[in-house]
Amino acid sequence: MVDKYSVRDFFAYFLVGLFLLLTLLYQFKILLYNYFSISIEDVKSTPSIVIFLLIPSLYLLGHIVHSIDSIIGRIGNYIEEKSTKHKFVIFLFKCVNGNRLLGNLKSEEIDFPFFNEKVNKLQFEDKYRQLEYWNLMNELFKGLTLISFSWMLFYIINFSSLKFFIALVLTFLFWYRARFMAKKYILLVNNTYDLIK
């Protein structure tokens, strides 16, 4: 049980935090070093302390990214529930929640509580291990999508067209991959549940 959570923590939170840190260092390396009063010599002289502090910090950054992602998902659900079924609202909902499990369940008109019951039964029957991969990868790519989308907005504001284009392509690729993983997860949960019932 503990190894499952450590794998989830590594992929869903640590790697997302690492991606955020690397993108921040790419853009603001000198500012970050000056703000935290860190020099390259300090990092080279005490690498074990840096690693000891870096691992929980990256994990925490990953949790912060996923918290923001959850808030955005809830806002997308609220807008979709309270608005008319105008084409723009449907498009906006697909953009915001198309890469999320709940957004895909809604678009396929699958009842979320019933889907959770299926997942719980599969976990109880010990048939969930292979399915968990798809959910885990969805979590990873949702976090990467949010980070690359944030950079895309940053580059729009700073009028950097090449970096904007790169961030736009990454955002689309990460979003598409997260959507694929969510759809595959839903399909496999439903198929596996039908096989054992």
N, C-alpha and C. Protein backbone atom coordinates (compact mmCIF):
# COMPACT_ATOMS: atom_id res chain seq x y z
N MET A 1 0.83 -1.20 0.00
CA MET A 1 0.00 0.00 0.00
C MET A 1 0.87 1.26 0.00
N VAL A 2 1.94 1.25 0.78
CA VAL A 2 2.79 2.43 0.88
C VAL A 2 3.49 2.70 -0.45
N ASP A 3 3.91 1.62 -1.16
CA ASP A 3 4.61 1.83 -2.42
C ASP A 3 3.70 2.47 -3.47
N LYS A 4 2.41 2.21 -3.44
CA LYS A 4 1.49 2.84 -4.38
C LYS A 4 1.45 4.34 -4.15
N TYR A 5 1.41 4.73 -2.90
CA TYR A 5 1.34 6.15 -2.62
C TYR A 5 2.66 6.83 -2.96
N SER A 6 3.77 6.16 -2.78
CA SER A 6 5.04 6.79 -3.12
C SER A 6 5.18 6.94 -4.63
N VAL A 7 4.68 5.99 -5.41
CA VAL A 7 4.70 6.11 -6.86
C VAL A 7 3.78 7.25 -7.29
N ARG A 8 2.59 7.33 -6.71
CA ARG A 8 1.66 8.42 -7.02
C ARG A 8 2.28 9.76 -6.64
N ASP A 9 2.87 9.83 -5.47
CA ASP A 9 3.49 11.07 -5.04
C ASP A 9 4.61 11.49 -5.99
N PHE A 10 5.39 10.52 -6.44
CA PHE A 10 6.50 10.84 -7.34
C PHE A 10 5.98 11.37 -8.67
N PHE A 11 5.05 10.64 -9.29
CA PHE A 11 4.60 11.03 -10.61
C PHE A 11 3.66 12.23 -10.59
N ALA A 12 2.71 12.23 -9.69
CA ALA A 12 1.69 13.27 -9.72
C ALA A 12 2.13 14.57 -9.06
N TYR A 13 2.99 14.50 -8.07
CA TYR A 13 3.34 15.71 -7.33
C TYR A 13 4.80 16.11 -7.50
N PHE A 14 5.73 15.19 -7.28
CA PHE A 14 7.14 15.53 -7.35
C PHE A 14 7.54 15.96 -8.76
N LEU A 15 7.16 15.19 -9.78
CA LEU A 15 7.55 15.53 -11.15
C LEU A 15 6.89 16.84 -11.62
N VAL A 16 5.66 17.08 -11.19
CA VAL A 16 5.01 18.35 -11.52
C VAL A 16 5.75 19.51 -10.85
N GLY A 17 6.13 19.34 -9.59
CA GLY A 17 6.91 20.36 -8.91
C GLY A 17 8.27 20.58 -9.56
N LEU A 18 8.90 19.50 -10.00
CA LEU A 18 10.19 19.60 -10.68
C LEU A 18 10.04 20.35 -12.00
N PHE A 19 8.99 20.04 -12.76
CA PHE A 19 8.75 20.74 -14.03
C PHE A 19 8.54 22.23 -13.78
N LEU A 20 7.78 22.56 -12.74
CA LEU A 20 7.56 23.96 -12.41
C LEU A 20 8.87 24.64 -12.04
N LEU A 21 9.69 23.99 -11.22
CA LEU A 21 10.97 24.57 -10.83
C LEU A 21 11.87 24.78 -12.04
N LEU A 22 11.95 23.79 -12.91
CA LEU A 22 12.81 23.91 -14.09
C LEU A 22 12.35 25.05 -14.99
N THR A 23 11.05 25.19 -15.16
CA THR A 23 10.56 26.29 -16.00
C THR A 23 10.79 27.65 -15.32
N LEU A 24 10.67 27.69 -14.00
CA LEU A 24 10.97 28.93 -13.28
C LEU A 24 12.45 29.28 -13.39
N LEU A 25 13.31 28.27 -13.25
CA LEU A 25 14.74 28.52 -13.36
C LEU A 25 15.10 28.97 -14.78
N TYR A 26 14.45 28.40 -15.77
CA TYR A 26 14.70 28.80 -17.15
C TYR A 26 14.41 30.29 -17.33
N GLN A 27 13.34 30.74 -16.75
CA GLN A 27 12.91 32.13 -16.96
C GLN A 27 13.54 33.10 -15.96
N PHE A 28 13.67 32.69 -14.71
CA PHE A 28 14.04 33.63 -13.64
C PHE A 28 15.23 33.15 -12.79
N LYS A 29 16.19 32.49 -13.37
CA LYS A 29 17.28 31.89 -12.61
C LYS A 29 18.00 32.91 -11.72
N ILE A 30 18.43 34.01 -12.28
CA ILE A 30 19.19 35.00 -11.52
C ILE A 30 18.32 35.62 -10.42
N LEU A 31 17.07 35.95 -10.75
CA LEU A 31 16.17 36.53 -9.75
C LEU A 31 15.93 35.56 -8.58
N LEU A 32 15.74 34.28 -8.89
CA LEU A 32 15.50 33.30 -7.82
C LEU A 32 16.72 33.14 -6.94
N TYR A 33 17.90 33.05 -7.56
CA TYR A 33 19.12 32.94 -6.76
C TYR A 33 19.31 34.15 -5.86
N ASN A 34 19.05 35.34 -6.40
CA ASN A 34 19.20 36.56 -5.59
C ASN A 34 18.15 36.63 -4.49
N TYR A 35 16.91 36.26 -4.80
CA TYR A 35 15.83 36.33 -3.81
C TYR A 35 16.11 35.41 -2.63
N PHE A 36 16.54 34.20 -2.91
CA PHE A 36 16.81 33.24 -1.84
C PHE A 36 18.24 33.33 -1.34
N SER A 37 18.99 34.31 -1.81
CA SER A 37 20.40 34.53 -1.42
C SER A 37 21.22 33.25 -1.58
N ILE A 38 21.11 32.65 -2.73
CA ILE A 38 21.84 31.43 -3.02
C ILE A 38 22.86 31.73 -4.11
N SER A 39 24.05 31.22 -3.94
CA SER A 39 25.05 31.32 -5.00
C SER A 39 25.34 29.91 -5.51
N ILE A 40 25.90 29.85 -6.69
CA ILE A 40 26.24 28.55 -7.28
C ILE A 40 27.24 27.83 -6.39
N GLU A 41 28.14 28.57 -5.77
CA GLU A 41 29.14 27.96 -4.89
C GLU A 41 28.48 27.32 -3.67
N ASP A 42 27.41 27.96 -3.14
CA ASP A 42 26.68 27.38 -2.02
C ASP A 42 26.06 26.04 -2.40
N VAL A 43 25.50 25.99 -3.58
CA VAL A 43 24.86 24.75 -4.04
C VAL A 43 25.91 23.67 -4.22
N LYS A 44 27.06 24.03 -4.78
CA LYS A 44 28.12 23.03 -5.02
C LYS A 44 28.76 22.56 -3.72
N SER A 45 28.84 23.44 -2.72
CA SER A 45 29.51 23.06 -1.47
C SER A 45 28.62 22.25 -0.54
N THR A 46 27.31 22.39 -0.63
CA THR A 46 26.40 21.65 0.25
C THR A 46 25.28 20.98 -0.56
N PRO A 47 25.61 20.06 -1.44
CA PRO A 47 24.55 19.47 -2.27
C PRO A 47 23.56 18.62 -1.48
N SER A 48 24.02 17.99 -0.41
CA SER A 48 23.10 17.13 0.35
C SER A 48 22.02 17.96 1.05
N ILE A 49 22.37 19.14 1.55
CA ILE A 49 21.37 20.00 2.18
C ILE A 49 20.38 20.52 1.14
N VAL A 50 20.90 20.88 -0.03
CA VAL A 50 20.04 21.37 -1.11
C VAL A 50 19.05 20.28 -1.51
N ILE A 51 19.53 19.07 -1.69
CA ILE A 51 18.65 17.95 -2.06
C ILE A 51 17.65 17.67 -0.95
N PHE A 52 18.10 17.71 0.29
CA PHE A 52 17.23 17.46 1.43
C PHE A 52 16.09 18.49 1.49
N LEU A 53 16.38 19.72 1.16
CA LEU A 53 15.34 20.76 1.16
C LEU A 53 14.53 20.78 -0.13
N LEU A 54 15.16 20.36 -1.22
CA LEU A 54 14.52 20.44 -2.52
C LEU A 54 13.40 19.41 -2.69
N ILE A 55 13.60 18.20 -2.22
CA ILE A 55 12.61 17.14 -2.43
C ILE A 55 11.25 17.49 -1.81
N PRO A 56 11.18 17.85 -0.53
CA PRO A 56 9.85 18.23 -0.01
C PRO A 56 9.30 19.51 -0.63
N SER A 57 10.19 20.42 -1.03
CA SER A 57 9.72 21.66 -1.65
C SER A 57 9.07 21.37 -3.00
N LEU A 58 9.68 20.49 -3.79
CA LEU A 58 9.09 20.13 -5.08
C LEU A 58 7.77 19.40 -4.90
N TYR A 59 7.72 18.53 -3.91
CA TYR A 59 6.49 17.81 -3.60
C TYR A 59 5.38 18.79 -3.23
N LEU A 60 5.70 19.78 -2.41
CA LEU A 60 4.74 20.81 -2.02
C LEU A 60 4.31 21.65 -3.22
N LEU A 61 5.25 22.01 -4.08
CA LEU A 61 4.90 22.75 -5.30
C LEU A 61 3.92 21.95 -6.16
N GLY A 62 4.14 20.65 -6.26
CA GLY A 62 3.23 19.79 -7.02
C GLY A 62 1.83 19.81 -6.43
N HIS A 63 1.74 19.77 -5.10
CA HIS A 63 0.42 19.84 -4.46
C HIS A 63 -0.25 21.19 -4.71
N ILE A 64 0.53 22.26 -4.70
CA ILE A 64 -0.03 23.58 -4.96
C ILE A 64 -0.57 23.66 -6.38
N VAL A 65 0.18 23.13 -7.34
CA VAL A 65 -0.28 23.13 -8.74
C VAL A 65 -1.58 22.35 -8.87
N HIS A 66 -1.64 21.17 -8.24
CA HIS A 66 -2.86 20.36 -8.33
C HIS A 66 -4.03 20.99 -7.58
N SER A 67 -3.76 21.75 -6.54
CA SER A 67 -4.84 22.46 -5.85
C SER A 67 -5.43 23.54 -6.75
N ILE A 68 -4.57 24.28 -7.42
CA ILE A 68 -5.04 25.30 -8.36
C ILE A 68 -5.82 24.63 -9.49
N ASP A 69 -5.33 23.50 -9.97
CA ASP A 69 -6.02 22.77 -11.03
C ASP A 69 -7.41 22.31 -10.57
N SER A 70 -7.53 21.86 -9.34
CA SER A 70 -8.83 21.45 -8.80
C SER A 70 -9.80 22.63 -8.73
N ILE A 71 -9.29 23.78 -8.30
CA ILE A 71 -10.14 24.98 -8.23
C ILE A 71 -10.62 25.37 -9.61
N ILE A 72 -9.73 25.34 -10.59
CA ILE A 72 -10.12 25.67 -11.97
C ILE A 72 -11.17 24.69 -12.47
N GLY A 73 -11.02 23.41 -12.15
CA GLY A 73 -12.00 22.40 -12.55
C GLY A 73 -13.36 22.66 -11.93
N ARG A 74 -13.37 23.04 -10.67
CA ARG A 74 -14.65 23.34 -10.01
C ARG A 74 -15.31 24.58 -10.60
N ILE A 75 -14.51 25.58 -10.94
CA ILE A 75 -15.06 26.78 -11.58
C ILE A 75 -15.65 26.40 -12.94
N GLY A 76 -14.95 25.55 -13.68
CA GLY A 76 -15.48 25.09 -14.97
C GLY A 76 -16.79 24.35 -14.82
N ASN A 77 -16.90 23.50 -13.80
CA ASN A 77 -18.16 22.79 -13.56
C ASN A 77 -19.27 23.75 -13.18
N TYR A 78 -18.96 24.73 -12.36
CA TYR A 78 -19.96 25.72 -11.93
C TYR A 78 -20.48 26.52 -13.13
N ILE A 79 -19.56 26.96 -13.99
CA ILE A 79 -19.96 27.73 -15.17
C ILE A 79 -20.85 26.87 -16.06
N GLU A 80 -20.47 25.61 -16.23
CA GLU A 80 -21.24 24.73 -17.11
C GLU A 80 -22.64 24.46 -16.55
N GLU A 81 -22.74 24.31 -15.23
CA GLU A 81 -24.04 24.03 -14.61
C GLU A 81 -24.95 25.26 -14.61
N LYS A 82 -24.40 26.45 -14.43
CA LYS A 82 -25.21 27.66 -14.28
C LYS A 82 -25.51 28.37 -15.58
N SER A 83 -24.84 28.00 -16.65
CA SER A 83 -25.03 28.74 -17.89
C SER A 83 -25.94 28.00 -18.86
N THR A 84 -26.31 28.72 -19.89
CA THR A 84 -27.09 28.11 -20.95
C THR A 84 -26.16 27.23 -21.79
N LYS A 85 -26.74 26.42 -22.60
CA LYS A 85 -25.93 25.52 -23.42
C LYS A 85 -25.51 26.21 -24.72
N HIS A 86 -24.94 27.38 -24.58
CA HIS A 86 -24.43 28.12 -25.73
C HIS A 86 -23.16 27.42 -26.24
N LYS A 87 -22.89 27.51 -27.54
CA LYS A 87 -21.75 26.81 -28.13
C LYS A 87 -20.42 27.24 -27.51
N PHE A 88 -20.31 28.55 -27.21
CA PHE A 88 -19.06 29.03 -26.61
C PHE A 88 -18.86 28.44 -25.22
N VAL A 89 -19.92 28.33 -24.43
CA VAL A 89 -19.83 27.78 -23.08
C VAL A 89 -19.45 26.30 -23.15
N ILE A 90 -20.03 25.58 -24.10
CA ILE A 90 -19.69 24.16 -24.27
C ILE A 90 -18.22 24.02 -24.66
N PHE A 91 -17.76 24.89 -25.57
CA PHE A 91 -16.35 24.87 -25.96
C PHE A 91 -15.44 25.19 -24.77
N LEU A 92 -15.81 26.20 -24.00
CA LEU A 92 -15.02 26.59 -22.83
C LEU A 92 -14.96 25.45 -21.81
N PHE A 93 -16.11 24.78 -21.60
CA PHE A 93 -16.14 23.66 -20.67
C PHE A 93 -15.21 22.54 -21.15
N LYS A 94 -15.20 22.26 -22.45
CA LYS A 94 -14.32 21.21 -22.99
C LYS A 94 -12.86 21.60 -22.82
N CYS A 95 -12.56 22.88 -22.99
CA CYS A 95 -11.18 23.32 -22.81
C CYS A 95 -10.74 23.22 -21.36
N VAL A 96 -11.63 23.63 -20.45
CA VAL A 96 -11.26 23.64 -19.03
C VAL A 96 -11.32 22.24 -18.43
N ASN A 97 -12.36 21.49 -18.74
CA ASN A 97 -12.56 20.19 -18.08
C ASN A 97 -12.41 18.99 -19.01
N GLY A 98 -11.99 19.22 -20.24
CA GLY A 98 -11.86 18.10 -21.17
C GLY A 98 -10.75 17.15 -20.83
N ASN A 99 -9.78 17.59 -20.03
CA ASN A 99 -8.68 16.71 -19.65
C ASN A 99 -8.87 16.11 -18.25
N ARG A 100 -10.00 16.37 -17.64
CA ARG A 100 -10.27 15.87 -16.29
C ARG A 100 -11.20 14.67 -16.33
N LEU A 101 -11.10 13.86 -15.32
CA LEU A 101 -11.94 12.68 -15.23
C LEU A 101 -13.42 13.07 -15.17
N LEU A 102 -13.75 14.02 -14.31
CA LEU A 102 -15.14 14.43 -14.16
C LEU A 102 -15.70 15.05 -15.45
N GLY A 103 -14.88 15.84 -16.14
CA GLY A 103 -15.32 16.43 -17.40
C GLY A 103 -15.63 15.37 -18.45
N ASN A 104 -14.80 14.33 -18.50
CA ASN A 104 -15.05 13.24 -19.45
C ASN A 104 -16.25 12.40 -19.05
N LEU A 105 -16.44 12.20 -17.75
CA LEU A 105 -17.62 11.47 -17.30
C LEU A 105 -18.90 12.23 -17.68
N LYS A 106 -18.86 13.57 -17.51
CA LYS A 106 -20.03 14.37 -17.88
C LYS A 106 -20.28 14.33 -19.38
N SER A 107 -19.23 14.42 -20.17
CA SER A 107 -19.42 14.43 -21.62
C SER A 107 -19.92 13.07 -22.13
N GLU A 108 -19.56 11.99 -21.43
CA GLU A 108 -20.05 10.66 -21.81
C GLU A 108 -21.33 10.29 -21.07
N GLU A 109 -21.84 11.24 -20.27
CA GLU A 109 -23.08 11.07 -19.50
C GLU A 109 -23.04 9.83 -18.61
N ILE A 110 -21.94 9.70 -17.89
CA ILE A 110 -21.76 8.62 -16.92
C ILE A 110 -21.94 9.23 -15.53
N ASP A 111 -22.74 8.59 -14.71
CA ASP A 111 -23.01 9.06 -13.35
C ASP A 111 -21.75 8.92 -12.50
N PHE A 112 -21.26 10.03 -11.94
CA PHE A 112 -20.02 10.02 -11.17
C PHE A 112 -20.10 9.14 -9.92
N PRO A 113 -21.16 9.22 -9.10
CA PRO A 113 -21.22 8.33 -7.93
C PRO A 113 -21.23 6.85 -8.32
N PHE A 114 -21.93 6.50 -9.39
CA PHE A 114 -21.94 5.11 -9.84
C PHE A 114 -20.56 4.68 -10.34
N PHE A 115 -19.87 5.59 -11.02
CA PHE A 115 -18.51 5.29 -11.47
C PHE A 115 -17.59 5.06 -10.28
N ASN A 116 -17.74 5.87 -9.24
CA ASN A 116 -16.94 5.67 -8.02
C ASN A 116 -17.24 4.33 -7.36
N GLU A 117 -18.50 3.91 -7.39
CA GLU A 117 -18.85 2.59 -6.86
C GLU A 117 -18.13 1.49 -7.64
N LYS A 118 -18.05 1.65 -8.95
CA LYS A 118 -17.33 0.68 -9.77
C LYS A 118 -15.86 0.61 -9.38
N VAL A 119 -15.26 1.78 -9.22
CA VAL A 119 -13.84 1.84 -8.83
C VAL A 119 -13.64 1.18 -7.47
N ASN A 120 -14.53 1.48 -6.52
CA ASN A 120 -14.42 0.88 -5.19
C ASN A 120 -14.55 -0.64 -5.24
N LYS A 121 -15.46 -1.14 -6.05
CA LYS A 121 -15.63 -2.59 -6.17
C LYS A 121 -14.38 -3.22 -6.79
N LEU A 122 -13.82 -2.57 -7.80
CA LEU A 122 -12.61 -3.08 -8.43
C LEU A 122 -11.44 -3.08 -7.45
N GLN A 123 -11.36 -2.06 -6.62
CA GLN A 123 -10.30 -2.03 -5.60
C GLN A 123 -10.50 -3.15 -4.60
N PHE A 124 -11.73 -3.36 -4.18
CA PHE A 124 -12.04 -4.43 -3.23
C PHE A 124 -11.73 -5.80 -3.81
N GLU A 125 -12.03 -5.98 -5.09
CA GLU A 125 -11.78 -7.26 -5.76
C GLU A 125 -10.32 -7.41 -6.19
N ASP A 126 -9.48 -6.42 -5.90
CA ASP A 126 -8.07 -6.40 -6.26
C ASP A 126 -7.86 -6.47 -7.78
N LYS A 127 -8.70 -5.77 -8.51
CA LYS A 127 -8.61 -5.72 -9.98
C LYS A 127 -8.26 -4.30 -10.46
N TYR A 128 -7.78 -3.47 -9.56
CA TYR A 128 -7.61 -2.06 -9.87
C TYR A 128 -6.17 -1.68 -10.21
N ARG A 129 -5.21 -2.54 -9.87
CA ARG A 129 -3.81 -2.15 -9.98
C ARG A 129 -3.41 -1.66 -11.38
N GLN A 130 -3.80 -2.39 -12.41
CA GLN A 130 -3.43 -2.00 -13.77
C GLN A 130 -4.17 -0.74 -14.21
N LEU A 131 -5.34 -0.51 -13.67
CA LEU A 131 -6.14 0.66 -14.06
C LEU A 131 -5.59 1.95 -13.45
N GLU A 132 -4.94 1.81 -12.32
CA GLU A 132 -4.47 2.98 -11.60
C GLU A 132 -3.43 3.78 -12.40
N TYR A 133 -2.70 3.08 -13.25
CA TYR A 133 -1.69 3.75 -14.09
C TYR A 133 -2.30 4.89 -14.90
N TRP A 134 -3.47 4.64 -15.51
CA TRP A 134 -4.09 5.63 -16.39
C TRP A 134 -4.55 6.85 -15.59
N ASN A 135 -5.05 6.62 -14.39
CA ASN A 135 -5.46 7.73 -13.54
C ASN A 135 -4.24 8.53 -13.08
N LEU A 136 -3.18 7.83 -12.75
CA LEU A 136 -1.95 8.48 -12.31
C LEU A 136 -1.35 9.34 -13.41
N MET A 137 -1.32 8.82 -14.63
CA MET A 137 -0.79 9.60 -15.75
C MET A 137 -1.68 10.79 -16.08
N ASN A 138 -2.99 10.65 -15.88
CA ASN A 138 -3.89 11.78 -16.05
C ASN A 138 -3.55 12.89 -15.07
N GLU A 139 -3.29 12.51 -13.83
CA GLU A 139 -2.89 13.51 -12.81
C GLU A 139 -1.61 14.24 -13.22
N LEU A 140 -0.63 13.48 -13.68
CA LEU A 140 0.64 14.07 -14.09
C LEU A 140 0.43 15.08 -15.22
N PHE A 141 -0.28 14.67 -16.26
CA PHE A 141 -0.44 15.54 -17.42
C PHE A 141 -1.36 16.73 -17.14
N LYS A 142 -2.30 16.59 -16.21
CA LYS A 142 -3.11 17.75 -15.83
C LYS A 142 -2.23 18.82 -15.20
N GLY A 143 -1.32 18.41 -14.34
CA GLY A 143 -0.41 19.37 -13.72
C GLY A 143 0.50 20.04 -14.74
N LEU A 144 1.03 19.25 -15.67
CA LEU A 144 1.90 19.81 -16.70
C LEU A 144 1.13 20.76 -17.61
N THR A 145 -0.14 20.44 -17.88
CA THR A 145 -0.98 21.32 -18.70
C THR A 145 -1.15 22.68 -18.03
N LEU A 146 -1.44 22.67 -16.74
CA LEU A 146 -1.65 23.93 -16.03
C LEU A 146 -0.38 24.78 -16.03
N ILE A 147 0.76 24.16 -15.81
CA ILE A 147 2.02 24.91 -15.78
C ILE A 147 2.32 25.51 -17.15
N SER A 148 2.21 24.71 -18.20
CA SER A 148 2.51 25.23 -19.54
C SER A 148 1.49 26.28 -19.97
N PHE A 149 0.22 26.12 -19.54
CA PHE A 149 -0.79 27.15 -19.84
C PHE A 149 -0.45 28.46 -19.12
N SER A 150 0.01 28.37 -17.89
CA SER A 150 0.39 29.57 -17.14
C SER A 150 1.55 30.29 -17.83
N TRP A 151 2.51 29.52 -18.33
CA TRP A 151 3.62 30.14 -19.05
C TRP A 151 3.15 30.75 -20.36
N MET A 152 2.19 30.11 -20.99
CA MET A 152 1.64 30.66 -22.22
C MET A 152 1.04 32.05 -21.96
N LEU A 153 0.28 32.18 -20.87
CA LEU A 153 -0.28 33.48 -20.51
C LEU A 153 0.82 34.49 -20.19
N PHE A 154 1.86 34.04 -19.49
CA PHE A 154 2.99 34.91 -19.15
C PHE A 154 3.66 35.44 -20.41
N TYR A 155 3.84 34.57 -21.40
CA TYR A 155 4.51 34.99 -22.63
C TYR A 155 3.62 35.88 -23.49
N ILE A 156 2.30 35.74 -23.39
CA ILE A 156 1.40 36.67 -24.09
C ILE A 156 1.58 38.07 -23.51
N ILE A 157 1.60 38.15 -22.19
CA ILE A 157 1.73 39.46 -21.52
C ILE A 157 3.07 40.11 -21.86
N ASN A 158 4.12 39.29 -21.98
CA ASN A 158 5.46 39.81 -22.26
C ASN A 158 5.80 39.87 -23.74
N PHE A 159 4.85 39.61 -24.60
CA PHE A 159 5.02 39.72 -26.05
C PHE A 159 6.21 38.91 -26.57
N SER A 160 6.32 37.70 -26.11
CA SER A 160 7.38 36.81 -26.57
C SER A 160 6.74 35.73 -27.45
N SER A 161 6.74 35.96 -28.75
CA SER A 161 5.95 35.11 -29.64
C SER A 161 6.51 33.69 -29.77
N LEU A 162 7.82 33.53 -29.85
CA LEU A 162 8.37 32.18 -29.99
C LEU A 162 8.12 31.35 -28.74
N LYS A 163 8.38 31.92 -27.58
CA LYS A 163 8.14 31.20 -26.33
C LYS A 163 6.65 30.94 -26.13
N PHE A 164 5.83 31.90 -26.54
CA PHE A 164 4.38 31.69 -26.48
C PHE A 164 3.97 30.50 -27.33
N PHE A 165 4.50 30.43 -28.54
CA PHE A 165 4.16 29.33 -29.43
C PHE A 165 4.60 27.98 -28.84
N ILE A 166 5.79 27.94 -28.26
CA ILE A 166 6.28 26.71 -27.63
C ILE A 166 5.37 26.31 -26.47
N ALA A 167 5.01 27.29 -25.63
CA ALA A 167 4.12 27.01 -24.50
C ALA A 167 2.73 26.58 -24.99
N LEU A 168 2.26 27.17 -26.08
CA LEU A 168 0.97 26.79 -26.65
C LEU A 168 0.98 25.34 -27.13
N VAL A 169 2.03 24.96 -27.83
CA VAL A 169 2.15 23.58 -28.32
C VAL A 169 2.23 22.61 -27.14
N LEU A 170 3.05 22.94 -26.15
CA LEU A 170 3.16 22.07 -24.96
C LEU A 170 1.83 21.95 -24.23
N THR A 171 1.12 23.08 -24.10
CA THR A 171 -0.18 23.06 -23.43
C THR A 171 -1.13 22.13 -24.16
N PHE A 172 -1.19 22.25 -25.48
CA PHE A 172 -2.09 21.38 -26.25
C PHE A 172 -1.69 19.92 -26.12
N LEU A 173 -0.40 19.62 -26.22
CA LEU A 173 0.06 18.23 -26.14
C LEU A 173 -0.22 17.63 -24.76
N PHE A 174 0.08 18.39 -23.71
CA PHE A 174 -0.18 17.89 -22.35
C PHE A 174 -1.68 17.72 -22.12
N TRP A 175 -2.48 18.70 -22.59
CA TRP A 175 -3.94 18.62 -22.43
C TRP A 175 -4.48 17.40 -23.15
N TYR A 176 -4.03 17.20 -24.38
CA TYR A 176 -4.50 16.05 -25.16
C TYR A 176 -4.12 14.74 -24.48
N ARG A 177 -2.90 14.69 -23.96
CA ARG A 177 -2.45 13.46 -23.29
C ARG A 177 -3.25 13.20 -22.02
N ALA A 178 -3.53 14.24 -21.26
CA ALA A 178 -4.35 14.08 -20.05
C ALA A 178 -5.74 13.61 -20.41
N ARG A 179 -6.31 14.16 -21.48
CA ARG A 179 -7.64 13.75 -21.94
C ARG A 179 -7.63 12.28 -22.36
N PHE A 180 -6.60 11.89 -23.10
CA PHE A 180 -6.49 10.50 -23.53
C PHE A 180 -6.41 9.56 -22.33
N MET A 181 -5.61 9.93 -21.35
CA MET A 181 -5.45 9.08 -20.16
C MET A 181 -6.77 8.97 -19.39
N ALA A 182 -7.50 10.07 -19.28
CA ALA A 182 -8.79 10.04 -18.57
C ALA A 182 -9.79 9.16 -19.31
N LYS A 183 -9.86 9.31 -20.62
CA LYS A 183 -10.80 8.50 -21.40
C LYS A 183 -10.44 7.02 -21.32
N LYS A 184 -9.16 6.71 -21.40
CA LYS A 184 -8.72 5.31 -21.32
C LYS A 184 -9.03 4.73 -19.94
N TYR A 185 -8.83 5.53 -18.90
CA TYR A 185 -9.13 5.09 -17.54
C TYR A 185 -10.62 4.76 -17.40
N ILE A 186 -11.48 5.65 -17.89
CA ILE A 186 -12.93 5.42 -17.81
C ILE A 186 -13.31 4.16 -18.56
N LEU A 187 -12.78 4.01 -19.77
CA LEU A 187 -13.08 2.83 -20.59
C LEU A 187 -12.66 1.55 -19.90
N LEU A 188 -11.45 1.54 -19.35
CA LEU A 188 -10.94 0.32 -18.71
C LEU A 188 -11.67 0.00 -17.42
N VAL A 189 -12.03 1.01 -16.65
CA VAL A 189 -12.80 0.77 -15.42
C VAL A 189 -14.15 0.14 -15.78
N ASN A 190 -14.82 0.72 -16.77
CA ASN A 190 -16.13 0.19 -17.18
C ASN A 190 -16.02 -1.23 -17.72
N ASN A 191 -15.03 -1.47 -18.57
CA ASN A 191 -14.86 -2.81 -19.14
C ASN A 191 -14.49 -3.85 -18.09
N THR A 192 -13.58 -3.50 -17.19
CA THR A 192 -13.17 -4.43 -16.14
C THR A 192 -14.32 -4.72 -15.19
N TYR A 193 -15.09 -3.68 -14.87
CA TYR A 193 -16.25 -3.88 -14.00
C TYR A 193 -17.27 -4.81 -14.65
N ASP A 194 -17.49 -4.62 -15.96
CA ASP A 194 -18.45 -5.49 -16.67
C ASP A 194 -17.98 -6.94 -16.70
N LEU A 195 -16.66 -7.15 -16.75
CA LEU A 195 -16.14 -8.52 -16.78
C LEU A 195 -16.32 -9.26 -15.46
N ILE A 196 -16.21 -8.53 -14.34
CA ILE A 196 -16.27 -9.23 -13.04
C ILE A 196 -17.64 -9.24 -12.43
N LYS A 197 -18.59 -8.50 -12.99
CA LYS A 197 -19.90 -8.44 -12.31
C LYS A 197 -20.74 -9.65 -12.59
